[in-house]
Amino acid sequence: MEKIRITNLRVKTIIGTLPKERKTKQILELNIVFDYDASIAAKTDDLKYAVDYLALVKNIKEEVEKTSFYLVEKLADHVLSIIFREKRGWTDNDV
């Protein structure tokens, strides 16, 4: 089992419940860690079972920046849904 780490990913989004927080995008720094079973990718040498880090980071950044959130919990859930959508050959226990 490998750990995938995305560190210090800076995104700009509307987040918060106060009226002043809803007016201007804030810069957030995301640190994401998830487990990934790399054995299938290693055995097959097939990209379809590997994590495409660049695409994953790009999709997280783009989607978070075009969305707004009231709660950090909703932001985390949204990022998790992006990771699940991007998964290739992972089991549900990996993320």
N, C-alpha and C. Protein backbone atom coordinates (compact mmCIF):
# COMPACT_ATOMS: atom_id res chain seq x y z
N MET A 1 0.85 -1.17 0.00
CA MET A 1 0.00 0.00 0.00
C MET A 1 0.90 1.24 0.00
N GLU A 2 0.63 2.12 -0.92
CA GLU A 2 1.38 3.36 -1.02
C GLU A 2 0.54 4.51 -0.48
N LYS A 3 1.20 5.51 0.04
CA LYS A 3 0.51 6.73 0.47
C LYS A 3 0.73 7.78 -0.61
N ILE A 4 -0.34 8.36 -1.06
CA ILE A 4 -0.27 9.47 -2.00
C ILE A 4 -0.43 10.74 -1.19
N ARG A 5 0.49 11.66 -1.38
CA ARG A 5 0.44 12.93 -0.66
C ARG A 5 0.42 14.07 -1.65
N ILE A 6 -0.56 14.92 -1.50
CA ILE A 6 -0.62 16.17 -2.24
C ILE A 6 -0.47 17.25 -1.18
N THR A 7 0.64 17.96 -1.21
CA THR A 7 0.92 18.91 -0.14
C THR A 7 0.92 20.35 -0.65
N ASN A 8 0.40 21.20 0.21
CA ASN A 8 0.40 22.65 -0.01
C ASN A 8 -0.23 23.06 -1.34
N LEU A 9 -1.32 22.40 -1.70
CA LEU A 9 -2.05 22.77 -2.91
C LEU A 9 -2.87 24.01 -2.61
N ARG A 10 -2.51 25.10 -3.25
CA ARG A 10 -3.19 26.38 -3.01
C ARG A 10 -4.35 26.54 -3.98
N VAL A 11 -5.51 26.83 -3.38
CA VAL A 11 -6.72 27.05 -4.16
C VAL A 11 -7.41 28.32 -3.66
N LYS A 12 -8.16 28.96 -4.56
CA LYS A 12 -8.94 30.15 -4.18
C LYS A 12 -10.41 29.81 -4.33
N THR A 13 -11.15 30.00 -3.23
CA THR A 13 -12.58 29.69 -3.26
C THR A 13 -13.31 30.55 -2.24
N ILE A 14 -14.60 30.62 -2.41
CA ILE A 14 -15.47 31.26 -1.41
C ILE A 14 -15.77 30.19 -0.36
N ILE A 15 -15.45 30.51 0.89
CA ILE A 15 -15.74 29.58 1.99
C ILE A 15 -16.05 30.37 3.24
N GLY A 16 -17.05 29.92 3.97
CA GLY A 16 -17.43 30.57 5.21
C GLY A 16 -18.90 30.91 5.23
N THR A 17 -19.38 31.28 6.42
CA THR A 17 -20.80 31.57 6.60
C THR A 17 -21.09 33.06 6.78
N LEU A 18 -20.09 33.83 7.12
CA LEU A 18 -20.29 35.26 7.34
C LEU A 18 -20.42 36.00 6.01
N PRO A 19 -21.24 37.04 5.98
CA PRO A 19 -21.41 37.79 4.73
C PRO A 19 -20.10 38.28 4.12
N LYS A 20 -19.16 38.74 4.94
CA LYS A 20 -17.88 39.22 4.40
C LYS A 20 -17.05 38.09 3.80
N GLU A 21 -17.23 36.85 4.32
CA GLU A 21 -16.51 35.69 3.77
C GLU A 21 -17.08 35.26 2.43
N ARG A 22 -18.32 35.62 2.15
CA ARG A 22 -19.00 35.20 0.93
C ARG A 22 -18.71 36.15 -0.24
N LYS A 23 -18.00 37.25 0.01
CA LYS A 23 -17.76 38.26 -1.03
C LYS A 23 -16.48 38.03 -1.81
N THR A 24 -15.45 37.54 -1.16
CA THR A 24 -14.13 37.44 -1.78
C THR A 24 -13.58 36.03 -1.62
N LYS A 25 -12.95 35.54 -2.68
CA LYS A 25 -12.32 34.23 -2.59
C LYS A 25 -11.16 34.29 -1.61
N GLN A 26 -11.03 33.24 -0.83
CA GLN A 26 -9.92 33.10 0.10
C GLN A 26 -8.94 32.07 -0.46
N ILE A 27 -7.68 32.25 -0.12
CA ILE A 27 -6.67 31.26 -0.52
C ILE A 27 -6.60 30.21 0.58
N LEU A 28 -6.79 28.97 0.18
CA LEU A 28 -6.67 27.85 1.11
C LEU A 28 -5.50 26.99 0.68
N GLU A 29 -4.88 26.35 1.63
CA GLU A 29 -3.80 25.42 1.34
C GLU A 29 -4.27 24.02 1.75
N LEU A 30 -4.41 23.14 0.78
CA LEU A 30 -4.90 21.80 1.03
C LEU A 30 -3.74 20.81 1.13
N ASN A 31 -3.82 19.94 2.11
CA ASN A 31 -2.88 18.83 2.26
C ASN A 31 -3.72 17.56 2.30
N ILE A 32 -3.51 16.72 1.31
CA ILE A 32 -4.35 15.54 1.11
C ILE A 32 -3.46 14.30 1.16
N VAL A 33 -3.90 13.29 1.90
CA VAL A 33 -3.18 12.02 1.97
C VAL A 33 -4.19 10.90 1.81
N PHE A 34 -3.88 9.95 0.93
CA PHE A 34 -4.73 8.78 0.82
C PHE A 34 -3.89 7.57 0.45
N ASP A 35 -4.41 6.39 0.80
CA ASP A 35 -3.72 5.14 0.50
C ASP A 35 -4.10 4.68 -0.90
N TYR A 36 -3.14 4.03 -1.53
CA TYR A 36 -3.34 3.56 -2.90
C TYR A 36 -2.59 2.25 -3.06
N ASP A 37 -3.28 1.24 -3.52
CA ASP A 37 -2.67 -0.06 -3.77
C ASP A 37 -2.02 -0.01 -5.15
N ALA A 38 -0.72 0.17 -5.17
CA ALA A 38 0.02 0.31 -6.43
C ALA A 38 0.40 -1.03 -7.04
N SER A 39 0.01 -2.13 -6.41
CA SER A 39 0.48 -3.44 -6.87
C SER A 39 -0.02 -3.78 -8.28
N ILE A 40 -1.25 -3.41 -8.61
CA ILE A 40 -1.77 -3.72 -9.95
C ILE A 40 -0.99 -2.92 -11.00
N ALA A 41 -0.77 -1.65 -10.73
CA ALA A 41 0.00 -0.83 -11.67
C ALA A 41 1.42 -1.36 -11.80
N ALA A 42 2.01 -1.77 -10.70
CA ALA A 42 3.37 -2.29 -10.74
C ALA A 42 3.46 -3.61 -11.51
N LYS A 43 2.48 -4.47 -11.31
CA LYS A 43 2.49 -5.77 -11.98
C LYS A 43 2.21 -5.65 -13.47
N THR A 44 1.29 -4.75 -13.83
CA THR A 44 0.86 -4.66 -15.23
C THR A 44 1.63 -3.63 -16.04
N ASP A 45 2.28 -2.70 -15.34
CA ASP A 45 2.95 -1.59 -16.01
C ASP A 45 1.96 -0.83 -16.90
N ASP A 46 0.71 -0.74 -16.43
CA ASP A 46 -0.38 -0.14 -17.20
C ASP A 46 -0.84 1.15 -16.53
N LEU A 47 -0.78 2.23 -17.27
CA LEU A 47 -1.13 3.56 -16.75
C LEU A 47 -2.56 3.63 -16.23
N LYS A 48 -3.45 2.81 -16.76
CA LYS A 48 -4.85 2.90 -16.33
C LYS A 48 -5.03 2.52 -14.86
N TYR A 49 -4.03 1.87 -14.26
CA TYR A 49 -4.10 1.51 -12.85
C TYR A 49 -3.24 2.42 -11.97
N ALA A 50 -2.66 3.42 -12.55
CA ALA A 50 -1.77 4.33 -11.80
C ALA A 50 -2.50 5.63 -11.48
N VAL A 51 -1.98 6.33 -10.50
CA VAL A 51 -2.52 7.65 -10.17
C VAL A 51 -1.90 8.67 -11.12
N ASP A 52 -2.75 9.40 -11.80
CA ASP A 52 -2.29 10.50 -12.66
C ASP A 52 -2.28 11.75 -11.78
N TYR A 53 -1.14 11.99 -11.14
CA TYR A 53 -1.03 13.07 -10.16
C TYR A 53 -1.38 14.42 -10.76
N LEU A 54 -0.87 14.68 -11.93
CA LEU A 54 -1.10 15.98 -12.56
C LEU A 54 -2.59 16.21 -12.83
N ALA A 55 -3.26 15.21 -13.38
CA ALA A 55 -4.70 15.33 -13.65
C ALA A 55 -5.49 15.47 -12.36
N LEU A 56 -5.12 14.70 -11.34
CA LEU A 56 -5.83 14.76 -10.07
C LEU A 56 -5.71 16.14 -9.44
N VAL A 57 -4.51 16.66 -9.37
CA VAL A 57 -4.28 17.99 -8.78
C VAL A 57 -5.02 19.05 -9.60
N LYS A 58 -4.93 18.95 -10.91
CA LYS A 58 -5.60 19.92 -11.79
C LYS A 58 -7.10 19.91 -11.57
N ASN A 59 -7.69 18.72 -11.50
CA ASN A 59 -9.13 18.62 -11.30
C ASN A 59 -9.56 19.12 -9.93
N ILE A 60 -8.81 18.81 -8.90
CA ILE A 60 -9.14 19.32 -7.56
C ILE A 60 -9.12 20.84 -7.58
N LYS A 61 -8.04 21.41 -8.10
CA LYS A 61 -7.90 22.86 -8.12
C LYS A 61 -9.02 23.52 -8.92
N GLU A 62 -9.27 23.04 -10.12
CA GLU A 62 -10.29 23.63 -10.97
C GLU A 62 -11.68 23.55 -10.34
N GLU A 63 -12.02 22.40 -9.82
CA GLU A 63 -13.37 22.22 -9.28
C GLU A 63 -13.58 22.98 -7.97
N VAL A 64 -12.57 23.01 -7.11
CA VAL A 64 -12.71 23.77 -5.87
C VAL A 64 -12.83 25.26 -6.17
N GLU A 65 -12.07 25.73 -7.15
CA GLU A 65 -12.07 27.17 -7.44
C GLU A 65 -13.35 27.63 -8.14
N LYS A 66 -14.10 26.74 -8.76
CA LYS A 66 -15.35 27.16 -9.41
C LYS A 66 -16.57 26.92 -8.52
N THR A 67 -16.33 26.43 -7.30
CA THR A 67 -17.41 26.12 -6.36
C THR A 67 -17.25 27.00 -5.13
N SER A 68 -18.33 27.18 -4.39
CA SER A 68 -18.24 27.88 -3.11
C SER A 68 -18.78 26.96 -2.02
N PHE A 69 -18.33 27.20 -0.80
CA PHE A 69 -18.66 26.33 0.32
C PHE A 69 -18.98 27.17 1.54
N TYR A 70 -19.88 26.70 2.35
CA TYR A 70 -20.12 27.31 3.65
C TYR A 70 -19.24 26.64 4.71
N LEU A 71 -19.05 25.33 4.58
CA LEU A 71 -18.34 24.57 5.61
C LEU A 71 -17.09 23.89 5.06
N VAL A 72 -16.06 23.79 5.88
CA VAL A 72 -14.85 23.07 5.52
C VAL A 72 -15.19 21.59 5.28
N GLU A 73 -16.14 21.08 6.04
CA GLU A 73 -16.54 19.69 5.87
C GLU A 73 -17.08 19.42 4.46
N LYS A 74 -17.83 20.37 3.93
CA LYS A 74 -18.36 20.22 2.57
C LYS A 74 -17.23 20.28 1.55
N LEU A 75 -16.27 21.17 1.77
CA LEU A 75 -15.09 21.24 0.90
C LEU A 75 -14.36 19.90 0.90
N ALA A 76 -14.13 19.33 2.08
CA ALA A 76 -13.43 18.05 2.19
C ALA A 76 -14.21 16.95 1.47
N ASP A 77 -15.53 16.95 1.62
CA ASP A 77 -16.35 15.95 0.95
C ASP A 77 -16.28 16.12 -0.57
N HIS A 78 -16.23 17.34 -1.04
CA HIS A 78 -16.14 17.61 -2.48
C HIS A 78 -14.79 17.11 -3.02
N VAL A 79 -13.71 17.38 -2.31
CA VAL A 79 -12.39 16.90 -2.73
C VAL A 79 -12.37 15.37 -2.75
N LEU A 80 -12.95 14.76 -1.74
CA LEU A 80 -13.01 13.30 -1.70
C LEU A 80 -13.77 12.74 -2.90
N SER A 81 -14.85 13.39 -3.29
CA SER A 81 -15.61 12.91 -4.45
C SER A 81 -14.78 13.01 -5.73
N ILE A 82 -13.95 14.02 -5.84
CA ILE A 82 -13.06 14.16 -7.00
C ILE A 82 -12.04 13.03 -7.01
N ILE A 83 -11.48 12.72 -5.85
CA ILE A 83 -10.50 11.63 -5.75
C ILE A 83 -11.14 10.30 -6.14
N PHE A 84 -12.34 10.04 -5.63
CA PHE A 84 -13.03 8.79 -5.98
C PHE A 84 -13.32 8.71 -7.47
N ARG A 85 -13.69 9.82 -8.07
CA ARG A 85 -13.99 9.84 -9.50
C ARG A 85 -12.75 9.55 -10.32
N GLU A 86 -11.60 9.98 -9.84
CA GLU A 86 -10.35 9.82 -10.57
C GLU A 86 -9.69 8.47 -10.34
N LYS A 87 -10.18 7.73 -9.37
CA LYS A 87 -9.47 6.50 -9.00
C LYS A 87 -9.42 5.50 -10.15
N ARG A 88 -8.32 4.82 -10.23
CA ARG A 88 -8.09 3.81 -11.28
C ARG A 88 -7.61 2.54 -10.61
N GLY A 89 -8.42 1.53 -10.61
CA GLY A 89 -7.99 0.25 -10.06
C GLY A 89 -7.83 0.26 -8.55
N TRP A 90 -8.41 1.26 -7.87
CA TRP A 90 -8.32 1.30 -6.42
C TRP A 90 -9.54 0.60 -5.85
N THR A 91 -9.41 0.11 -4.64
CA THR A 91 -10.58 -0.41 -3.95
C THR A 91 -11.17 0.70 -3.11
N ASP A 92 -12.41 0.54 -2.68
CA ASP A 92 -13.05 1.58 -1.88
C ASP A 92 -12.35 1.80 -0.55
N ASN A 93 -11.58 0.82 -0.07
CA ASN A 93 -10.86 0.97 1.18
C ASN A 93 -9.57 1.78 1.03
N ASP A 94 -9.17 2.03 -0.21
CA ASP A 94 -7.91 2.72 -0.43
C ASP A 94 -8.00 4.22 -0.15
N VAL A 95 -9.15 4.81 -0.33
CA VAL A 95 -9.27 6.27 -0.15
C VAL A 95 -9.96 6.55 1.15
